[in-house]
Amino acid sequence: MSTSRAINEQAMRDTCKNSAAMAFGERSKHVLVLPVERVDDGYLVYGQYPEDGPDVTTFTCKFNEKGIFRHVRRN
């Protein structure tokens, strides 16, 4: 994996975490995001809040093929 790709993936994860926290009224430290996944038309980042427990809410962040944030949606 190249360094620039790793930096972009970390930026996508950070953007997803912060966007989800703002969208769902959570503190970012309580939001968990998983590794970036490549899909046909861009990238997805799956996540949840709180980080653990019996009652978690899941969400998905979508990025375009250039890694630009598109939206976050609760699942």
N, C-alpha and C. Protein backbone atom coordinates (compact mmCIF):
# COMPACT_ATOMS: atom_id res chain seq x y z
N MET A 1 0.86 -1.18 0.00
CA MET A 1 0.00 0.00 0.00
C MET A 1 0.89 1.23 0.00
N SER A 2 0.58 2.16 -0.86
CA SER A 2 1.39 3.36 -0.93
C SER A 2 1.05 4.30 0.22
N THR A 3 1.97 5.18 0.54
CA THR A 3 1.77 6.12 1.63
C THR A 3 0.59 7.05 1.35
N SER A 4 0.48 7.55 0.12
CA SER A 4 -0.62 8.47 -0.18
C SER A 4 -1.97 7.79 -0.03
N ARG A 5 -2.06 6.55 -0.40
CA ARG A 5 -3.32 5.81 -0.25
C ARG A 5 -3.66 5.67 1.23
N ALA A 6 -2.68 5.33 2.06
CA ALA A 6 -2.91 5.17 3.49
C ALA A 6 -3.37 6.50 4.10
N ILE A 7 -2.77 7.59 3.68
CA ILE A 7 -3.16 8.91 4.19
C ILE A 7 -4.59 9.22 3.77
N ASN A 8 -4.94 8.95 2.52
CA ASN A 8 -6.30 9.19 2.05
C ASN A 8 -7.31 8.34 2.80
N GLU A 9 -6.98 7.08 3.05
CA GLU A 9 -7.91 6.22 3.77
C GLU A 9 -8.09 6.70 5.21
N GLN A 10 -7.03 7.15 5.84
CA GLN A 10 -7.16 7.67 7.20
C GLN A 10 -8.01 8.94 7.20
N ALA A 11 -7.81 9.78 6.19
CA ALA A 11 -8.62 11.00 6.08
C ALA A 11 -10.09 10.65 5.88
N MET A 12 -10.38 9.63 5.07
CA MET A 12 -11.76 9.21 4.86
C MET A 12 -12.37 8.69 6.16
N ARG A 13 -11.61 7.91 6.91
CA ARG A 13 -12.11 7.39 8.19
C ARG A 13 -12.38 8.53 9.17
N ASP A 14 -11.46 9.50 9.23
CA ASP A 14 -11.65 10.65 10.12
C ASP A 14 -12.86 11.48 9.71
N THR A 15 -13.01 11.71 8.42
CA THR A 15 -14.15 12.47 7.92
C THR A 15 -15.45 11.75 8.24
N CYS A 16 -15.47 10.45 8.05
CA CYS A 16 -16.66 9.66 8.35
C CYS A 16 -17.01 9.75 9.83
N LYS A 17 -16.03 9.55 10.67
CA LYS A 17 -16.25 9.59 12.12
C LYS A 17 -16.81 10.94 12.57
N ASN A 18 -16.20 12.01 12.10
CA ASN A 18 -16.64 13.35 12.49
C ASN A 18 -18.00 13.70 11.90
N SER A 19 -18.25 13.29 10.66
CA SER A 19 -19.53 13.56 10.02
C SER A 19 -20.66 12.80 10.72
N ALA A 20 -20.40 11.56 11.08
CA ALA A 20 -21.41 10.77 11.79
C ALA A 20 -21.70 11.37 13.16
N ALA A 21 -20.66 11.78 13.86
CA ALA A 21 -20.85 12.38 15.18
C ALA A 21 -21.73 13.62 15.08
N MET A 22 -21.46 14.47 14.10
CA MET A 22 -22.26 15.68 13.93
C MET A 22 -23.69 15.35 13.48
N ALA A 23 -23.83 14.44 12.53
CA ALA A 23 -25.15 14.12 11.99
C ALA A 23 -26.06 13.46 13.02
N PHE A 24 -25.48 12.67 13.91
CA PHE A 24 -26.30 11.88 14.83
C PHE A 24 -26.22 12.37 16.27
N GLY A 25 -25.58 13.53 16.49
CA GLY A 25 -25.53 14.10 17.82
C GLY A 25 -24.73 13.30 18.83
N GLU A 26 -23.65 12.70 18.37
CA GLU A 26 -22.79 11.88 19.22
C GLU A 26 -21.44 12.56 19.39
N ARG A 27 -20.72 12.20 20.41
CA ARG A 27 -19.34 12.66 20.54
C ARG A 27 -18.47 11.73 19.71
N SER A 28 -17.51 12.29 18.98
CA SER A 28 -16.71 11.47 18.07
C SER A 28 -15.95 10.36 18.79
N LYS A 29 -15.64 10.57 20.06
CA LYS A 29 -14.92 9.51 20.80
C LYS A 29 -15.80 8.29 21.05
N HIS A 30 -17.11 8.41 20.84
CA HIS A 30 -18.03 7.28 21.01
C HIS A 30 -18.40 6.62 19.69
N VAL A 31 -17.79 7.09 18.60
CA VAL A 31 -18.09 6.58 17.26
C VAL A 31 -16.94 5.68 16.81
N LEU A 32 -17.29 4.50 16.33
CA LEU A 32 -16.31 3.53 15.81
C LEU A 32 -16.46 3.44 14.30
N VAL A 33 -15.36 3.55 13.57
CA VAL A 33 -15.39 3.34 12.12
C VAL A 33 -14.44 2.21 11.76
N LEU A 34 -14.83 1.46 10.74
CA LEU A 34 -14.07 0.32 10.26
C LEU A 34 -13.18 0.75 9.09
N PRO A 35 -12.30 -0.14 8.62
CA PRO A 35 -11.44 0.21 7.48
C PRO A 35 -12.24 0.57 6.23
N VAL A 36 -11.63 1.36 5.38
CA VAL A 36 -12.22 1.79 4.12
C VAL A 36 -12.35 0.58 3.19
N GLU A 37 -13.50 0.49 2.52
CA GLU A 37 -13.73 -0.58 1.54
C GLU A 37 -13.93 0.03 0.17
N ARG A 38 -13.24 -0.53 -0.81
CA ARG A 38 -13.39 -0.08 -2.21
C ARG A 38 -14.63 -0.72 -2.80
N VAL A 39 -15.46 0.06 -3.46
CA VAL A 39 -16.62 -0.44 -4.18
C VAL A 39 -16.54 0.09 -5.61
N ASP A 40 -17.42 -0.39 -6.48
CA ASP A 40 -17.33 -0.04 -7.90
C ASP A 40 -17.25 1.45 -8.17
N ASP A 41 -18.07 2.23 -7.48
CA ASP A 41 -18.14 3.66 -7.79
C ASP A 41 -17.52 4.55 -6.72
N GLY A 42 -16.65 4.00 -5.90
CA GLY A 42 -16.00 4.81 -4.87
C GLY A 42 -15.57 3.99 -3.67
N TYR A 43 -15.86 4.55 -2.49
CA TYR A 43 -15.44 3.92 -1.24
C TYR A 43 -16.57 4.00 -0.21
N LEU A 44 -16.60 3.01 0.67
CA LEU A 44 -17.53 3.00 1.80
C LEU A 44 -16.75 2.85 3.09
N VAL A 45 -17.27 3.48 4.14
CA VAL A 45 -16.75 3.28 5.48
C VAL A 45 -17.96 2.96 6.35
N TYR A 46 -17.92 1.80 6.99
CA TYR A 46 -18.99 1.40 7.90
C TYR A 46 -18.61 1.79 9.31
N GLY A 47 -19.62 2.09 10.11
CA GLY A 47 -19.34 2.46 11.49
C GLY A 47 -20.54 2.24 12.38
N GLN A 48 -20.34 2.54 13.65
CA GLN A 48 -21.42 2.40 14.63
C GLN A 48 -21.16 3.29 15.82
N TYR A 49 -22.22 3.53 16.58
CA TYR A 49 -22.12 4.21 17.86
C TYR A 49 -23.17 3.63 18.77
N PRO A 50 -22.91 3.48 20.05
CA PRO A 50 -21.59 3.62 20.65
C PRO A 50 -20.64 2.54 20.13
N GLU A 51 -19.41 2.57 20.61
CA GLU A 51 -18.40 1.63 20.11
C GLU A 51 -18.75 0.18 20.40
N ASP A 52 -19.44 -0.07 21.50
CA ASP A 52 -19.82 -1.43 21.84
C ASP A 52 -21.08 -1.41 22.69
N GLY A 53 -21.57 -2.59 23.01
CA GLY A 53 -22.76 -2.70 23.84
C GLY A 53 -23.90 -3.36 23.08
N PRO A 54 -25.01 -3.59 23.76
CA PRO A 54 -26.11 -4.32 23.16
C PRO A 54 -27.00 -3.47 22.23
N ASP A 55 -26.90 -2.15 22.32
CA ASP A 55 -27.79 -1.29 21.56
C ASP A 55 -27.00 -0.31 20.71
N VAL A 56 -26.42 -0.82 19.61
CA VAL A 56 -25.62 0.04 18.74
C VAL A 56 -26.43 0.46 17.52
N THR A 57 -26.09 1.59 16.97
CA THR A 57 -26.68 2.09 15.72
C THR A 57 -25.57 2.08 14.68
N THR A 58 -25.86 1.49 13.52
CA THR A 58 -24.84 1.41 12.47
C THR A 58 -25.12 2.47 11.40
N PHE A 59 -24.06 2.83 10.68
CA PHE A 59 -24.16 3.82 9.61
C PHE A 59 -23.13 3.53 8.55
N THR A 60 -23.30 4.18 7.41
CA THR A 60 -22.38 4.04 6.28
C THR A 60 -22.03 5.41 5.74
N CYS A 61 -20.75 5.64 5.49
CA CYS A 61 -20.28 6.85 4.82
C CYS A 61 -19.90 6.49 3.40
N LYS A 62 -20.28 7.34 2.46
CA LYS A 62 -19.98 7.13 1.05
C LYS A 62 -19.03 8.20 0.57
N PHE A 63 -18.01 7.78 -0.18
CA PHE A 63 -17.04 8.66 -0.81
C PHE A 63 -16.99 8.33 -2.29
N ASN A 64 -16.71 9.33 -3.12
CA ASN A 64 -16.62 9.05 -4.55
C ASN A 64 -15.28 8.39 -4.88
N GLU A 65 -15.03 8.17 -6.16
CA GLU A 65 -13.82 7.47 -6.59
C GLU A 65 -12.54 8.24 -6.29
N LYS A 66 -12.66 9.55 -6.04
CA LYS A 66 -11.49 10.36 -5.69
C LYS A 66 -11.34 10.52 -4.18
N GLY A 67 -12.22 9.87 -3.41
CA GLY A 67 -12.14 9.95 -1.97
C GLY A 67 -12.84 11.16 -1.37
N ILE A 68 -13.69 11.82 -2.17
CA ILE A 68 -14.42 13.00 -1.70
C ILE A 68 -15.71 12.56 -1.03
N PHE A 69 -15.95 13.05 0.18
CA PHE A 69 -17.12 12.68 0.97
C PHE A 69 -18.41 13.05 0.25
N ARG A 70 -19.37 12.11 0.27
CA ARG A 70 -20.68 12.33 -0.34
C ARG A 70 -21.77 12.43 0.72
N HIS A 71 -21.88 11.44 1.61
CA HIS A 71 -22.92 11.46 2.64
C HIS A 71 -22.67 10.40 3.70
N VAL A 72 -23.38 10.56 4.80
CA VAL A 72 -23.43 9.55 5.85
C VAL A 72 -24.90 9.22 6.07
N ARG A 73 -25.20 7.93 6.15
CA ARG A 73 -26.58 7.48 6.34
C ARG A 73 -26.64 6.40 7.42
N ARG A 74 -27.64 6.57 8.26
CA ARG A 74 -27.90 5.55 9.27
C ARG A 74 -28.46 4.33 8.57
N ASN A 75 -28.03 3.16 9.00
CA ASN A 75 -28.53 1.90 8.38
C ASN A 75 -29.83 1.48 8.99
